[in-house]
Structures are given as structure tokens and as C-alpha cells.
Amino acid sequence: MGSPDRGSVPRFWSVAEAKAKLSEILRLARAGEPQTIGSEEPCVVISAEQFEQLSQRHLGKFLIESAPRGVELELPTRGGDRSDPFADF
């Protein structure tokens, strides 16, 4: 696996590499570069500052900020002939 060239994000580390290079992984994470450890069930190391920013984000704000812009969406008609999708529950 191994770490790619400097400047590529994200970086991927095997668990063995991560154990040997923990200081480097922490330094890169603190510099704003997420570090991925493991391949089967990977974990991501980010700075405490980034974690705090992500933790305080509200779902509604996220949905508004990430909504597609300049794209036509096909919406279903609101006519009375639509069935109730929850009728069978």
C-alpha cells in the first residue's frame, strides 16, 4: 500500500506503516491532510480542529450547501393520482 507522493490527498497507510510512522501521520493530519489507515475497514485521522468543525455542522445547513446548483431536477407531479408510498406499512 504505502504512502503516495507528498501533496496527494488522501494518503493511505497500512496498519503496520501507521504504527511505525504515527508521528508523521499526526503531523500531516494537523496540517489539514486527512490520513487513511487500513484497507479492509479503514479509519481516517483528521485534526481535532477539523473534527470540531465537522461535529458542529447542522444537517439542514449541509443539505443547503451541498445541493446541486444549475442542474434541472425532474420532480414528480403533485397531482392527486399519486399513491401513498407508506400505505402498506
N, C-alpha and C. Protein backbone atom coordinates (compact mmCIF):
# COMPACT_ATOMS: atom_id res chain seq x y z
N MET A 1 0.84 -1.17 0.00
CA MET A 1 0.00 0.00 0.00
C MET A 1 0.88 1.23 0.00
N GLY A 2 1.40 1.67 1.11
CA GLY A 2 2.37 2.76 1.15
C GLY A 2 1.75 4.12 0.97
N SER A 3 2.52 5.12 1.37
CA SER A 3 2.03 6.48 1.24
C SER A 3 2.43 7.03 -0.11
N PRO A 4 1.51 7.72 -0.79
CA PRO A 4 1.83 8.29 -2.09
C PRO A 4 2.71 9.52 -1.96
N ASP A 5 3.01 10.14 -3.09
CA ASP A 5 3.85 11.32 -3.10
C ASP A 5 3.26 12.44 -2.27
N ARG A 6 4.12 13.32 -1.79
CA ARG A 6 3.69 14.46 -0.99
C ARG A 6 2.70 15.31 -1.77
N GLY A 7 1.70 15.81 -1.10
CA GLY A 7 0.73 16.66 -1.74
C GLY A 7 -0.51 15.93 -2.22
N SER A 8 -0.45 14.60 -2.36
CA SER A 8 -1.66 13.90 -2.75
C SER A 8 -2.53 13.67 -1.52
N VAL A 9 -3.80 13.86 -1.71
CA VAL A 9 -4.73 13.69 -0.61
C VAL A 9 -5.85 12.82 -1.11
N PRO A 10 -6.35 11.89 -0.38
CA PRO A 10 -5.87 11.47 0.93
C PRO A 10 -4.68 10.53 0.81
N ARG A 11 -3.99 10.36 1.92
CA ARG A 11 -2.88 9.42 2.00
C ARG A 11 -3.39 8.13 2.61
N PHE A 12 -2.89 7.01 2.11
CA PHE A 12 -3.29 5.70 2.61
C PHE A 12 -2.09 5.01 3.22
N TRP A 13 -2.28 4.48 4.41
CA TRP A 13 -1.22 3.79 5.13
C TRP A 13 -1.72 2.40 5.53
N SER A 14 -0.83 1.42 5.45
CA SER A 14 -1.17 0.11 6.02
C SER A 14 -1.11 0.27 7.54
N VAL A 15 -1.69 -0.65 8.26
CA VAL A 15 -1.66 -0.57 9.72
C VAL A 15 -0.22 -0.65 10.22
N ALA A 16 0.59 -1.51 9.61
CA ALA A 16 1.99 -1.64 10.01
C ALA A 16 2.75 -0.33 9.79
N GLU A 17 2.52 0.32 8.63
CA GLU A 17 3.16 1.61 8.36
C GLU A 17 2.70 2.65 9.37
N ALA A 18 1.41 2.65 9.66
CA ALA A 18 0.86 3.64 10.60
C ALA A 18 1.48 3.50 11.98
N LYS A 19 1.70 2.27 12.42
CA LYS A 19 2.35 2.05 13.72
C LYS A 19 3.76 2.62 13.72
N ALA A 20 4.46 2.43 12.62
CA ALA A 20 5.85 2.88 12.54
C ALA A 20 5.96 4.39 12.32
N LYS A 21 4.95 5.00 11.70
CA LYS A 21 5.05 6.41 11.32
C LYS A 21 3.95 7.27 11.94
N LEU A 22 3.54 6.94 13.14
CA LEU A 22 2.45 7.66 13.78
C LEU A 22 2.72 9.17 13.88
N SER A 23 3.93 9.55 14.24
CA SER A 23 4.24 10.98 14.36
C SER A 23 4.03 11.70 13.04
N GLU A 24 4.44 11.08 11.93
CA GLU A 24 4.27 11.67 10.60
C GLU A 24 2.78 11.79 10.26
N ILE A 25 2.01 10.76 10.57
CA ILE A 25 0.57 10.77 10.30
C ILE A 25 -0.11 11.90 11.07
N LEU A 26 0.25 12.04 12.33
CA LEU A 26 -0.34 13.11 13.15
C LEU A 26 0.07 14.48 12.63
N ARG A 27 1.33 14.63 12.22
CA ARG A 27 1.80 15.92 11.70
C ARG A 27 1.01 16.30 10.44
N LEU A 28 0.83 15.34 9.54
CA LEU A 28 0.09 15.60 8.30
C LEU A 28 -1.38 15.90 8.58
N ALA A 29 -1.98 15.17 9.52
CA ALA A 29 -3.38 15.42 9.87
C ALA A 29 -3.54 16.82 10.46
N ARG A 30 -2.60 17.21 11.32
CA ARG A 30 -2.67 18.57 11.90
C ARG A 30 -2.50 19.64 10.84
N ALA A 31 -1.80 19.30 9.75
CA ALA A 31 -1.59 20.26 8.65
C ALA A 31 -2.79 20.30 7.71
N GLY A 32 -3.85 19.56 8.04
CA GLY A 32 -5.07 19.59 7.24
C GLY A 32 -5.16 18.52 6.18
N GLU A 33 -4.27 17.53 6.22
CA GLU A 33 -4.29 16.44 5.24
C GLU A 33 -4.84 15.17 5.90
N PRO A 34 -6.07 14.77 5.59
CA PRO A 34 -6.62 13.54 6.17
C PRO A 34 -5.74 12.34 5.83
N GLN A 35 -5.58 11.44 6.78
CA GLN A 35 -4.75 10.25 6.60
C GLN A 35 -5.62 9.01 6.80
N THR A 36 -5.62 8.11 5.83
CA THR A 36 -6.42 6.89 5.90
C THR A 36 -5.53 5.73 6.28
N ILE A 37 -5.97 4.99 7.30
CA ILE A 37 -5.20 3.84 7.79
C ILE A 37 -6.02 2.58 7.59
N GLY A 38 -5.40 1.57 6.97
CA GLY A 38 -6.05 0.28 6.77
C GLY A 38 -6.79 0.24 5.46
N SER A 39 -7.06 -1.01 5.01
CA SER A 39 -7.76 -1.16 3.74
C SER A 39 -9.08 -1.92 3.89
N GLU A 40 -9.14 -2.88 4.80
CA GLU A 40 -10.38 -3.65 4.94
C GLU A 40 -11.47 -2.86 5.65
N GLU A 41 -11.14 -2.28 6.76
CA GLU A 41 -12.06 -1.41 7.50
C GLU A 41 -11.29 -0.14 7.83
N PRO A 42 -11.09 0.73 6.83
CA PRO A 42 -10.22 1.89 7.03
C PRO A 42 -10.76 2.89 8.04
N CYS A 43 -9.84 3.60 8.64
CA CYS A 43 -10.15 4.70 9.55
C CYS A 43 -9.41 5.93 9.04
N VAL A 44 -9.97 7.10 9.32
CA VAL A 44 -9.37 8.35 8.85
C VAL A 44 -8.93 9.16 10.05
N VAL A 45 -7.71 9.67 9.99
CA VAL A 45 -7.17 10.54 11.04
C VAL A 45 -7.25 11.97 10.53
N ILE A 46 -7.94 12.82 11.30
CA ILE A 46 -8.02 14.25 10.98
C ILE A 46 -7.64 15.03 12.23
N SER A 47 -7.37 16.30 12.07
CA SER A 47 -7.00 17.12 13.23
C SER A 47 -8.22 17.33 14.13
N ALA A 48 -7.96 17.65 15.38
CA ALA A 48 -9.04 17.94 16.33
C ALA A 48 -9.85 19.14 15.84
N GLU A 49 -9.18 20.11 15.22
CA GLU A 49 -9.88 21.30 14.70
C GLU A 49 -10.86 20.91 13.60
N GLN A 50 -10.44 20.05 12.67
CA GLN A 50 -11.33 19.61 11.60
C GLN A 50 -12.49 18.80 12.18
N PHE A 51 -12.21 17.96 13.15
CA PHE A 51 -13.25 17.15 13.79
C PHE A 51 -14.29 18.05 14.44
N GLU A 52 -13.84 19.06 15.13
CA GLU A 52 -14.75 20.00 15.80
C GLU A 52 -15.64 20.71 14.77
N GLN A 53 -15.05 21.13 13.67
CA GLN A 53 -15.83 21.80 12.61
C GLN A 53 -16.88 20.86 12.03
N LEU A 54 -16.51 19.61 11.79
CA LEU A 54 -17.45 18.64 11.23
C LEU A 54 -18.54 18.27 12.24
N SER A 55 -18.19 18.21 13.50
CA SER A 55 -19.14 17.82 14.53
C SER A 55 -20.22 18.87 14.75
N GLN A 56 -19.91 20.10 14.50
CA GLN A 56 -20.86 21.17 14.77
C GLN A 56 -21.71 21.55 13.57
N ARG A 57 -21.54 20.86 12.49
CA ARG A 57 -22.28 21.16 11.27
C ARG A 57 -23.71 20.65 11.39
N HIS A 58 -24.66 21.48 11.04
CA HIS A 58 -26.07 21.11 11.11
C HIS A 58 -26.49 20.45 9.80
N LEU A 59 -27.35 19.45 9.89
CA LEU A 59 -27.80 18.71 8.71
C LEU A 59 -28.46 19.64 7.69
N GLY A 60 -29.33 20.50 8.14
CA GLY A 60 -30.02 21.41 7.23
C GLY A 60 -29.05 22.30 6.47
N LYS A 61 -28.07 22.83 7.18
CA LYS A 61 -27.06 23.68 6.55
C LYS A 61 -26.25 22.87 5.53
N PHE A 62 -25.89 21.65 5.90
CA PHE A 62 -25.15 20.77 4.98
C PHE A 62 -25.95 20.52 3.71
N LEU A 63 -27.25 20.21 3.86
CA LEU A 63 -28.07 19.93 2.69
C LEU A 63 -28.18 21.14 1.76
N ILE A 64 -28.33 22.31 2.35
CA ILE A 64 -28.42 23.53 1.54
C ILE A 64 -27.09 23.81 0.84
N GLU A 65 -25.97 23.67 1.57
CA GLU A 65 -24.66 23.95 0.98
C GLU A 65 -24.28 22.94 -0.09
N SER A 66 -24.74 21.70 0.02
CA SER A 66 -24.32 20.67 -0.93
C SER A 66 -25.36 20.40 -2.02
N ALA A 67 -26.43 21.16 -2.03
CA ALA A 67 -27.47 20.98 -3.07
C ALA A 67 -26.90 21.31 -4.44
N PRO A 68 -27.29 20.54 -5.44
CA PRO A 68 -26.79 20.84 -6.79
C PRO A 68 -27.26 22.21 -7.27
N ARG A 69 -26.38 22.91 -7.95
CA ARG A 69 -26.70 24.23 -8.46
C ARG A 69 -26.63 24.21 -9.98
N GLY A 70 -27.56 24.87 -10.63
CA GLY A 70 -27.55 24.97 -12.07
C GLY A 70 -27.92 23.68 -12.78
N VAL A 71 -28.58 22.77 -12.08
CA VAL A 71 -28.98 21.50 -12.67
C VAL A 71 -30.49 21.40 -12.60
N GLU A 72 -31.11 21.04 -13.71
CA GLU A 72 -32.55 20.87 -13.73
C GLU A 72 -32.91 19.54 -13.08
N LEU A 73 -33.80 19.57 -12.12
CA LEU A 73 -34.25 18.35 -11.45
C LEU A 73 -35.64 18.00 -11.95
N GLU A 74 -35.85 16.72 -12.21
CA GLU A 74 -37.18 16.26 -12.61
C GLU A 74 -37.95 15.90 -11.35
N LEU A 75 -38.97 16.67 -11.05
CA LEU A 75 -39.77 16.42 -9.87
C LEU A 75 -41.09 15.78 -10.27
N PRO A 76 -41.60 14.85 -9.44
CA PRO A 76 -42.89 14.22 -9.77
C PRO A 76 -44.01 15.24 -9.66
N THR A 77 -45.08 15.02 -10.40
CA THR A 77 -46.22 15.92 -10.32
C THR A 77 -46.88 15.78 -8.96
N ARG A 78 -47.57 16.79 -8.56
CA ARG A 78 -48.24 16.78 -7.26
C ARG A 78 -49.72 16.47 -7.40
N GLY A 79 -50.09 15.84 -8.48
CA GLY A 79 -51.49 15.51 -8.72
C GLY A 79 -52.03 14.53 -7.69
N GLY A 80 -53.35 14.44 -7.61
CA GLY A 80 -54.00 13.56 -6.63
C GLY A 80 -53.92 12.08 -6.97
N ASP A 81 -53.41 11.74 -8.14
CA ASP A 81 -53.37 10.33 -8.54
C ASP A 81 -52.13 9.60 -8.03
N ARG A 82 -51.29 10.28 -7.27
CA ARG A 82 -50.10 9.60 -6.72
C ARG A 82 -50.52 8.70 -5.57
N SER A 83 -49.96 7.50 -5.54
CA SER A 83 -50.28 6.59 -4.44
C SER A 83 -49.47 6.95 -3.20
N ASP A 84 -49.93 6.46 -2.07
CA ASP A 84 -49.25 6.69 -0.81
C ASP A 84 -48.15 5.63 -0.66
N PRO A 85 -46.87 6.01 -0.67
CA PRO A 85 -45.80 5.02 -0.59
C PRO A 85 -45.73 4.32 0.76
N PHE A 86 -46.42 4.84 1.76
CA PHE A 86 -46.40 4.24 3.09
C PHE A 86 -47.68 3.48 3.43
N ALA A 87 -48.54 3.31 2.48
CA ALA A 87 -49.84 2.68 2.71
C ALA A 87 -49.71 1.22 3.16
N ASP A 88 -48.68 0.54 2.72
CA ASP A 88 -48.52 -0.88 3.05
C ASP A 88 -47.81 -1.13 4.38
N PHE A 89 -47.41 -0.10 5.07
CA PHE A 89 -46.67 -0.30 6.32
C PHE A 89 -47.54 -0.30 7.53
